[in-house]
Amino acid sequence: MEEKKNITIKIENEDLIAPMYLQYDGQSQPQPAFVEIDPRGDDEITVSAEVNHNIGPSCSQDQFNGVVWSIPCNPYVLGKELADYLESEDFKAKVTELCTDYSCEWDGSNWKGSWNNDVHTISESIHMDLMSLDGVEIFDGDEWIEDSITYYNDERDEVNYSHEATKAIYDKQGKNIEVVKENIEAIAKDSEKYIDQSCQLVEGIEEALMEIIEELEYNKE
């Protein structure tokens, strides 16, 4: 009877709320994410949750040759949801079954992996689990700031204007509305990846803040 291996879990960017999320400027969709299963260790199976950082379709040589087995993952998945699932007994049981009868042999040119007959069924089950996990909600910096920055007029009375409304107040009334410095510092603290407690992720916040500041400075003159 084959001895049961330990399963080691590794998650890229595990400290982020959405560790599998990566979308480059100009892209309409995030980069592919996947969970890779590598049984080559003498006494362990390594499971790695990773993002494909390359533009366009690509895979590693080990993936191509079946040395490791990769399963697509929801790129928006919340880090805690992903970690809890990968550490679950149900997932580990599926991984153990998937790796049963695994072998890796040199064919004279490359290492080639061989898996059991149920590998596709098991990996599809894991894939469905991964895609059903709760994900993060993505916001654009400009949209989020309209609801999240407090503006003040020159009497220090609170005024809840949007970005465009602030311009109108300057132009029509000449009021010195300002963004309070402490508010900017608090919001910009996490700049590109602002995260609140509602599982929201905001992109482009630093650029959006700078645009507001530039407009306020321009309209003061």
C-alpha atoms as a PDB file:
ATOM      1  CA  MET A   1       0.000   0.000   0.000  1.00  0.00           C
ATOM      2  CA  GLU A   2       1.395   3.390  -1.015  1.00  0.00           C
ATOM      3  CA  GLU A   3       2.203   5.625   1.969  1.00  0.00           C
ATOM      4  CA  LYS A   4       0.027   8.753   2.199  1.00  0.00           C
ATOM      5  CA  LYS A   5       1.958  11.963   1.511  1.00  0.00           C
ATOM      6  CA  ASN A   6       1.704  15.231   3.388  1.00  0.00           C
ATOM      7  CA  ILE A   7       0.123  18.106   1.441  1.00  0.00           C
ATOM      8  CA  THR A   8       1.843  21.501   1.550  1.00  0.00           C
ATOM      9  CA  ILE A   9      -0.223  24.562   0.565  1.00  0.00           C
ATOM     10  CA  LYS A  10       1.344  27.681  -0.963  1.00  0.00           C
ATOM     11  CA  ILE A  11      -0.673  30.766  -1.995  1.00  0.00           C
ATOM     12  CA  GLU A  12       0.912  33.578  -4.005  1.00  0.00           C
ATOM     13  CA  ASN A  13       0.332  37.025  -2.408  1.00  0.00           C
ATOM     14  CA  GLU A  14      -1.488  35.312   0.454  1.00  0.00           C
ATOM     15  CA  ASP A  15      -1.598  38.538   2.506  1.00  0.00           C
ATOM     16  CA  LEU A  16      -3.885  40.259  -0.061  1.00  0.00           C
ATOM     17  CA  ILE A  17      -7.665  40.151   0.065  1.00  0.00           C
ATOM     18  CA  ALA A  18      -7.742  38.838  -3.525  1.00  0.00           C
ATOM     19  CA  PRO A  19      -4.366  37.116  -4.029  1.00  0.00           C
ATOM     20  CA  MET A  20      -5.261  35.630  -7.432  1.00  0.00           C
ATOM     21  CA  TYR A  21      -6.376  38.950  -8.959  1.00  0.00           C
ATOM     22  CA  LEU A  22      -4.037  40.622 -11.470  1.00  0.00           C
ATOM     23  CA  GLN A  23      -5.257  42.858 -14.277  1.00  0.00           C
ATOM     24  CA  TYR A  24      -2.798  44.901 -16.303  1.00  0.00           C
ATOM     25  CA  ASP A  25      -3.605  48.382 -17.643  1.00  0.00           C
ATOM     26  CA  GLY A  26      -5.660  48.143 -20.826  1.00  0.00           C
ATOM     27  CA  GLN A  27      -6.933  44.640 -20.109  1.00  0.00           C
ATOM     28  CA  SER A  28     -10.658  43.903 -19.971  1.00  0.00           C
ATOM     29  CA  GLN A  29     -10.156  40.662 -18.023  1.00  0.00           C
ATOM     30  CA  PRO A  30      -7.756  39.661 -15.234  1.00  0.00           C
ATOM     31  CA  GLN A  31      -4.856  37.290 -15.796  1.00  0.00           C
ATOM     32  CA  PRO A  32      -5.624  33.555 -15.505  1.00  0.00           C
ATOM     33  CA  ALA A  33      -5.217  32.008 -12.058  1.00  0.00           C
ATOM     34  CA  PHE A  34      -4.737  28.350 -11.247  1.00  0.00           C
ATOM     35  CA  VAL A  35      -4.059  25.798  -8.548  1.00  0.00           C
ATOM     36  CA  GLU A  36      -1.098  23.586  -9.413  1.00  0.00           C
ATOM     37  CA  ILE A  37      -0.604  20.120  -7.925  1.00  0.00           C
ATOM     38  CA  ASP A  38       2.928  18.722  -7.854  1.00  0.00           C
ATOM     39  CA  PRO A  39       3.353  15.182  -6.414  1.00  0.00           C
ATOM     40  CA  ARG A  40       7.093  14.866  -7.094  1.00  0.00           C
ATOM     41  CA  GLY A  41       8.227  15.264  -3.480  1.00  0.00           C
ATOM     42  CA  ASP A  42       9.420  12.096  -1.760  1.00  0.00           C
ATOM     43  CA  ASP A  43       7.021  12.531   1.142  1.00  0.00           C
ATOM     44  CA  GLU A  44       4.829  15.490   0.166  1.00  0.00           C
ATOM     45  CA  ILE A  45       2.496  16.867  -2.475  1.00  0.00           C
ATOM     46  CA  THR A  46       2.877  20.599  -3.099  1.00  0.00           C
ATOM     47  CA  VAL A  47      -0.255  22.587  -3.950  1.00  0.00           C
ATOM     48  CA  SER A  48       0.434  26.111  -5.244  1.00  0.00           C
ATOM     49  CA  ALA A  49      -2.210  28.766  -5.962  1.00  0.00           C
ATOM     50  CA  GLU A  50      -0.662  31.094  -8.536  1.00  0.00           C
ATOM     51  CA  VAL A  51      -1.344  33.794 -11.127  1.00  0.00           C
ATOM     52  CA  ASN A  52      -0.112  33.580 -14.717  1.00  0.00           C
ATOM     53  CA  HIS A  53       1.938  36.780 -15.080  1.00  0.00           C
ATOM     54  CA  ASN A  54       2.552  36.280 -18.811  1.00  0.00           C
ATOM     55  CA  ILE A  55       0.461  38.055 -21.447  1.00  0.00           C
ATOM     56  CA  GLY A  56      -1.393  35.682 -23.772  1.00  0.00           C
ATOM     57  CA  PRO A  57      -1.853  31.901 -23.648  1.00  0.00           C
ATOM     58  CA  SER A  58       1.104  30.190 -22.013  1.00  0.00           C
ATOM     59  CA  CYS A  59       2.037  27.348 -19.712  1.00  0.00           C
ATOM     60  CA  SER A  60       5.215  26.001 -18.174  1.00  0.00           C
ATOM     61  CA  GLN A  61       7.059  23.018 -19.604  1.00  0.00           C
ATOM     62  CA  ASP A  62       6.051  20.966 -16.571  1.00  0.00           C
ATOM     63  CA  GLN A  63       2.386  21.797 -17.195  1.00  0.00           C
ATOM     64  CA  PHE A  64       2.698  20.992 -20.897  1.00  0.00           C
ATOM     65  CA  ASN A  65       4.313  17.625 -20.203  1.00  0.00           C
ATOM     66  CA  GLY A  66       1.867  16.688 -17.455  1.00  0.00           C
ATOM     67  CA  VAL A  67       4.553  16.667 -14.772  1.00  0.00           C
ATOM     68  CA  VAL A  68       2.278  18.882 -12.664  1.00  0.00           C
ATOM     69  CA  TRP A  69      -1.507  19.200 -12.871  1.00  0.00           C
ATOM     70  CA  SER A  70      -3.058  22.687 -13.119  1.00  0.00           C
ATOM     71  CA  ILE A  71      -6.682  23.557 -12.394  1.00  0.00           C
ATOM     72  CA  PRO A  72      -8.164  26.986 -13.277  1.00  0.00           C
ATOM     73  CA  CYS A  73      -9.167  29.140 -10.313  1.00  0.00           C
ATOM     74  CA  ASN A  74     -11.529  32.084  -9.947  1.00  0.00           C
ATOM     75  CA  PRO A  75      -9.183  35.129 -10.209  1.00  0.00           C
ATOM     76  CA  TYR A  76     -11.498  37.196  -7.983  1.00  0.00           C
ATOM     77  CA  VAL A  77     -11.528  34.667  -5.135  1.00  0.00           C
ATOM     78  CA  LEU A  78     -11.139  36.056  -1.630  1.00  0.00           C
ATOM     79  CA  GLY A  79      -7.879  34.979  -0.012  1.00  0.00           C
ATOM     80  CA  LYS A  80      -9.555  33.658   3.137  1.00  0.00           C
ATOM     81  CA  GLU A  81     -12.065  31.636   1.098  1.00  0.00           C
ATOM     82  CA  LEU A  82      -9.264  30.138  -0.988  1.00  0.00           C
ATOM     83  CA  ALA A  83      -7.073  29.329   2.010  1.00  0.00           C
ATOM     84  CA  ASP A  84      -9.951  27.703   3.900  1.00  0.00           C
ATOM     85  CA  TYR A  85     -10.822  25.541   0.906  1.00  0.00           C
ATOM     86  CA  LEU A  86      -7.247  24.457   0.173  1.00  0.00           C
ATOM     87  CA  GLU A  87      -6.783  23.515   3.831  1.00  0.00           C
ATOM     88  CA  SER A  88     -10.054  21.583   3.966  1.00  0.00           C
ATOM     89  CA  GLU A  89     -10.100  17.825   4.398  1.00  0.00           C
ATOM     90  CA  ASP A  90     -12.390  17.496   1.376  1.00  0.00           C
ATOM     91  CA  PHE A  91      -9.873  19.194  -0.928  1.00  0.00           C
ATOM     92  CA  LYS A  92      -6.920  17.270   0.466  1.00  0.00           C
ATOM     93  CA  ALA A  93      -8.780  13.986  -0.009  1.00  0.00           C
ATOM     94  CA  LYS A  94      -9.399  14.879  -3.657  1.00  0.00           C
ATOM     95  CA  VAL A  95      -5.734  15.797  -4.145  1.00  0.00           C
ATOM     96  CA  THR A  96      -4.596  12.530  -2.598  1.00  0.00           C
ATOM     97  CA  GLU A  97      -6.939  10.589  -4.892  1.00  0.00           C
ATOM     98  CA  LEU A  98      -5.887  12.599  -7.930  1.00  0.00           C
ATOM     99  CA  CYS A  99      -2.217  11.798  -7.262  1.00  0.00           C
ATOM    100  CA  THR A 100      -2.794   8.060  -6.772  1.00  0.00           C
ATOM    101  CA  ASP A 101      -0.687   6.049  -9.264  1.00  0.00           C
ATOM    102  CA  TYR A 102       1.194   9.193 -10.354  1.00  0.00           C
ATOM    103  CA  SER A 103       4.573   8.643 -11.954  1.00  0.00           C
ATOM    104  CA  CYS A 104       7.140  10.830 -13.681  1.00  0.00           C
ATOM    105  CA  GLU A 105       9.609   9.355 -16.132  1.00  0.00           C
ATOM    106  CA  TRP A 106      12.322  10.580 -18.501  1.00  0.00           C
ATOM    107  CA  ASP A 107      11.500   9.762 -22.133  1.00  0.00           C
ATOM    108  CA  GLY A 108      14.922  10.663 -23.496  1.00  0.00           C
ATOM    109  CA  SER A 109      14.007  14.293 -24.141  1.00  0.00           C
ATOM    110  CA  ASN A 110      11.736  15.456 -21.309  1.00  0.00           C
ATOM    111  CA  TRP A 111      10.239  14.422 -18.005  1.00  0.00           C
ATOM    112  CA  LYS A 112       6.657  13.197 -18.608  1.00  0.00           C
ATOM    113  CA  GLY A 113       3.969  12.781 -15.976  1.00  0.00           C
ATOM    114  CA  SER A 114       1.412   9.987 -15.870  1.00  0.00           C
ATOM    115  CA  TRP A 115      -1.811  10.190 -13.827  1.00  0.00           C
ATOM    116  CA  ASN A 116      -4.615   7.792 -12.943  1.00  0.00           C
ATOM    117  CA  ASN A 117      -7.720   7.321 -15.098  1.00  0.00           C
ATOM    118  CA  ASP A 118      -9.891   9.488 -12.830  1.00  0.00           C
ATOM    119  CA  VAL A 119      -7.665  12.569 -12.966  1.00  0.00           C
ATOM    120  CA  HIS A 120     -10.009  14.562 -15.233  1.00  0.00           C
ATOM    121  CA  THR A 121     -13.101  13.777 -13.154  1.00  0.00           C
ATOM    122  CA  ILE A 122     -11.364  14.714  -9.896  1.00  0.00           C
ATOM    123  CA  SER A 123      -9.806  17.891 -11.280  1.00  0.00           C
ATOM    124  CA  GLU A 124     -13.180  18.996 -12.699  1.00  0.00           C
ATOM    125  CA  SER A 125     -14.706  18.563  -9.250  1.00  0.00           C
ATOM    126  CA  ILE A 126     -11.946  20.712  -7.734  1.00  0.00           C
ATOM    127  CA  HIS A 127     -12.394  23.268 -10.529  1.00  0.00           C
ATOM    128  CA  MET A 128     -16.117  23.589  -9.767  1.00  0.00           C
ATOM    129  CA  ASP A 129     -15.309  24.079  -6.085  1.00  0.00           C
ATOM    130  CA  LEU A 130     -12.746  26.786  -6.853  1.00  0.00           C
ATOM    131  CA  MET A 131     -15.062  28.688  -9.182  1.00  0.00           C
ATOM    132  CA  SER A 132     -17.879  28.671  -6.614  1.00  0.00           C
ATOM    133  CA  LEU A 133     -15.842  30.383  -3.873  1.00  0.00           C
ATOM    134  CA  ASP A 134     -16.829  33.949  -2.949  1.00  0.00           C
ATOM    135  CA  GLY A 135     -14.940  36.672  -4.787  1.00  0.00           C
ATOM    136  CA  VAL A 136     -13.967  40.296  -4.275  1.00  0.00           C
ATOM    137  CA  GLU A 137     -15.923  43.238  -5.701  1.00  0.00           C
ATOM    138  CA  ILE A 138     -13.783  45.491  -7.918  1.00  0.00           C
ATOM    139  CA  PHE A 139     -14.275  49.268  -8.089  1.00  0.00           C
ATOM    140  CA  ASP A 140     -12.608  51.945 -10.183  1.00  0.00           C
ATOM    141  CA  GLY A 141     -10.887  54.654  -8.148  1.00  0.00           C
ATOM    142  CA  ASP A 142     -12.960  57.521  -9.592  1.00  0.00           C
ATOM    143  CA  GLU A 143     -16.252  55.754  -8.869  1.00  0.00           C
ATOM    144  CA  TRP A 144     -15.271  54.801  -5.337  1.00  0.00           C
ATOM    145  CA  ILE A 145     -13.933  58.233  -4.390  1.00  0.00           C
ATOM    146  CA  GLU A 146     -17.241  59.904  -5.274  1.00  0.00           C
ATOM    147  CA  ASP A 147     -18.825  57.970  -2.405  1.00  0.00           C
ATOM    148  CA  SER A 148     -15.900  57.956  -0.012  1.00  0.00           C
ATOM    149  CA  ILE A 149     -14.190  61.373   0.172  1.00  0.00           C
ATOM    150  CA  THR A 150     -15.728  64.144   2.245  1.00  0.00           C
ATOM    151  CA  TYR A 151     -15.418  67.664   0.879  1.00  0.00           C
ATOM    152  CA  TYR A 152     -15.622  70.815   2.992  1.00  0.00           C
ATOM    153  CA  ASN A 153     -16.439  74.419   2.079  1.00  0.00           C
ATOM    154  CA  ASP A 154     -14.578  77.438   3.456  1.00  0.00           C
ATOM    155  CA  GLU A 155     -16.797  77.529   6.575  1.00  0.00           C
ATOM    156  CA  ARG A 156     -15.726  73.927   7.270  1.00  0.00           C
ATOM    157  CA  ASP A 157     -19.291  72.746   6.725  1.00  0.00           C
ATOM    158  CA  GLU A 158     -19.458  69.249   5.317  1.00  0.00           C
ATOM    159  CA  VAL A 159     -20.413  69.119   1.636  1.00  0.00           C
ATOM    160  CA  ASN A 160     -20.969  65.757  -0.054  1.00  0.00           C
ATOM    161  CA  TYR A 161     -20.215  66.625  -3.655  1.00  0.00           C
ATOM    162  CA  SER A 162     -19.017  64.288  -6.346  1.00  0.00           C
ATOM    163  CA  HIS A 163     -15.845  64.967  -8.321  1.00  0.00           C
ATOM    164  CA  GLU A 164     -17.672  66.857 -11.112  1.00  0.00           C
ATOM    165  CA  ALA A 165     -19.934  68.739  -8.699  1.00  0.00           C
ATOM    166  CA  THR A 166     -16.867  70.049  -6.900  1.00  0.00           C
ATOM    167  CA  LYS A 167     -15.647  71.678 -10.108  1.00  0.00           C
ATOM    168  CA  ALA A 168     -19.029  73.355 -10.564  1.00  0.00           C
ATOM    169  CA  ILE A 169     -18.931  74.823  -7.051  1.00  0.00           C
ATOM    170  CA  TYR A 170     -15.526  76.399  -7.712  1.00  0.00           C
ATOM    171  CA  ASP A 171     -16.456  77.754 -11.097  1.00  0.00           C
ATOM    172  CA  LYS A 172     -19.824  79.201 -10.112  1.00  0.00           C
ATOM    173  CA  GLN A 173     -19.267  80.375  -6.563  1.00  0.00           C
ATOM    174  CA  GLY A 174     -15.528  80.771  -6.143  1.00  0.00           C
ATOM    175  CA  LYS A 175     -15.601  78.870  -2.869  1.00  0.00           C
ATOM    176  CA  ASN A 176     -12.347  77.386  -1.582  1.00  0.00           C
ATOM    177  CA  ILE A 177     -13.530  73.822  -1.191  1.00  0.00           C
ATOM    178  CA  GLU A 178     -10.698  71.581  -0.115  1.00  0.00           C
ATOM    179  CA  VAL A 179     -10.010  67.932   0.473  1.00  0.00           C
ATOM    180  CA  VAL A 180      -8.845  67.495   4.062  1.00  0.00           C
ATOM    181  CA  LYS A 181      -5.243  66.260   4.059  1.00  0.00           C
ATOM    182  CA  GLU A 182      -5.897  63.597   6.695  1.00  0.00           C
ATOM    183  CA  ASN A 183      -8.616  62.075   4.519  1.00  0.00           C
ATOM    184  CA  ILE A 184      -6.269  61.811   1.541  1.00  0.00           C
ATOM    185  CA  GLU A 185      -3.542  60.170   3.618  1.00  0.00           C
ATOM    186  CA  ALA A 186      -5.964  57.634   5.081  1.00  0.00           C
ATOM    187  CA  ILE A 187      -7.436  56.693   1.713  1.00  0.00           C
ATOM    188  CA  ALA A 188      -4.123  56.708  -0.162  1.00  0.00           C
ATOM    189  CA  LYS A 189      -2.432  54.547   2.457  1.00  0.00           C
ATOM    190  CA  ASP A 190      -3.110  51.444   0.373  1.00  0.00           C
ATOM    191  CA  SER A 191      -3.147  53.488  -2.898  1.00  0.00           C
ATOM    192  CA  GLU A 192      -3.396  51.060  -5.834  1.00  0.00           C
ATOM    193  CA  LYS A 193      -5.081  48.286  -3.858  1.00  0.00           C
ATOM    194  CA  TYR A 194      -7.327  49.967  -1.298  1.00  0.00           C
ATOM    195  CA  ILE A 195      -9.242  47.373   0.676  1.00  0.00           C
ATOM    196  CA  ASP A 196     -12.083  47.914   3.129  1.00  0.00           C
ATOM    197  CA  GLN A 197     -13.957  45.490   5.348  1.00  0.00           C
ATOM    198  CA  SER A 198     -16.694  44.836   2.761  1.00  0.00           C
ATOM    199  CA  CYS A 199     -14.556  42.668   0.484  1.00  0.00           C
ATOM    200  CA  GLN A 200     -14.050  45.505  -1.972  1.00  0.00           C
ATOM    201  CA  LEU A 201     -10.920  46.255  -3.941  1.00  0.00           C
ATOM    202  CA  VAL A 202     -10.348  49.640  -5.600  1.00  0.00           C
ATOM    203  CA  GLU A 203      -7.931  50.204  -8.467  1.00  0.00           C
ATOM    204  CA  GLY A 204      -6.394  53.461  -9.695  1.00  0.00           C
ATOM    205  CA  ILE A 205      -7.092  55.315  -6.476  1.00  0.00           C
ATOM    206  CA  GLU A 206      -3.789  57.203  -6.406  1.00  0.00           C
ATOM    207  CA  GLU A 207      -4.333  58.564  -9.918  1.00  0.00           C
ATOM    208  CA  ALA A 208      -7.915  59.530  -9.076  1.00  0.00           C
ATOM    209  CA  LEU A 209      -6.807  61.388  -5.943  1.00  0.00           C
ATOM    210  CA  MET A 210      -4.133  63.290  -7.855  1.00  0.00           C
ATOM    211  CA  GLU A 211      -6.667  64.376 -10.475  1.00  0.00           C
ATOM    212  CA  ILE A 212      -8.919  65.776  -7.749  1.00  0.00           C
ATOM    213  CA  ILE A 213      -6.034  67.609  -6.093  1.00  0.00           C
ATOM    214  CA  GLU A 214      -4.910  69.099  -9.419  1.00  0.00           C
ATOM    215  CA  GLU A 215      -8.450  70.303 -10.172  1.00  0.00           C
ATOM    216  CA  LEU A 216      -8.810  71.867  -6.744  1.00  0.00           C
ATOM    217  CA  GLU A 217      -5.493  73.675  -7.094  1.00  0.00           C
ATOM    218  CA  TYR A 218      -6.374  74.877 -10.607  1.00  0.00           C
ATOM    219  CA  ASN A 219      -9.787  76.211  -9.585  1.00  0.00           C
ATOM    220  CA  LYS A 220      -8.363  78.094  -6.600  1.00  0.00           C
ATOM    221  CA  GLU A 221      -6.366  80.373  -8.892  1.00  0.00           C
END
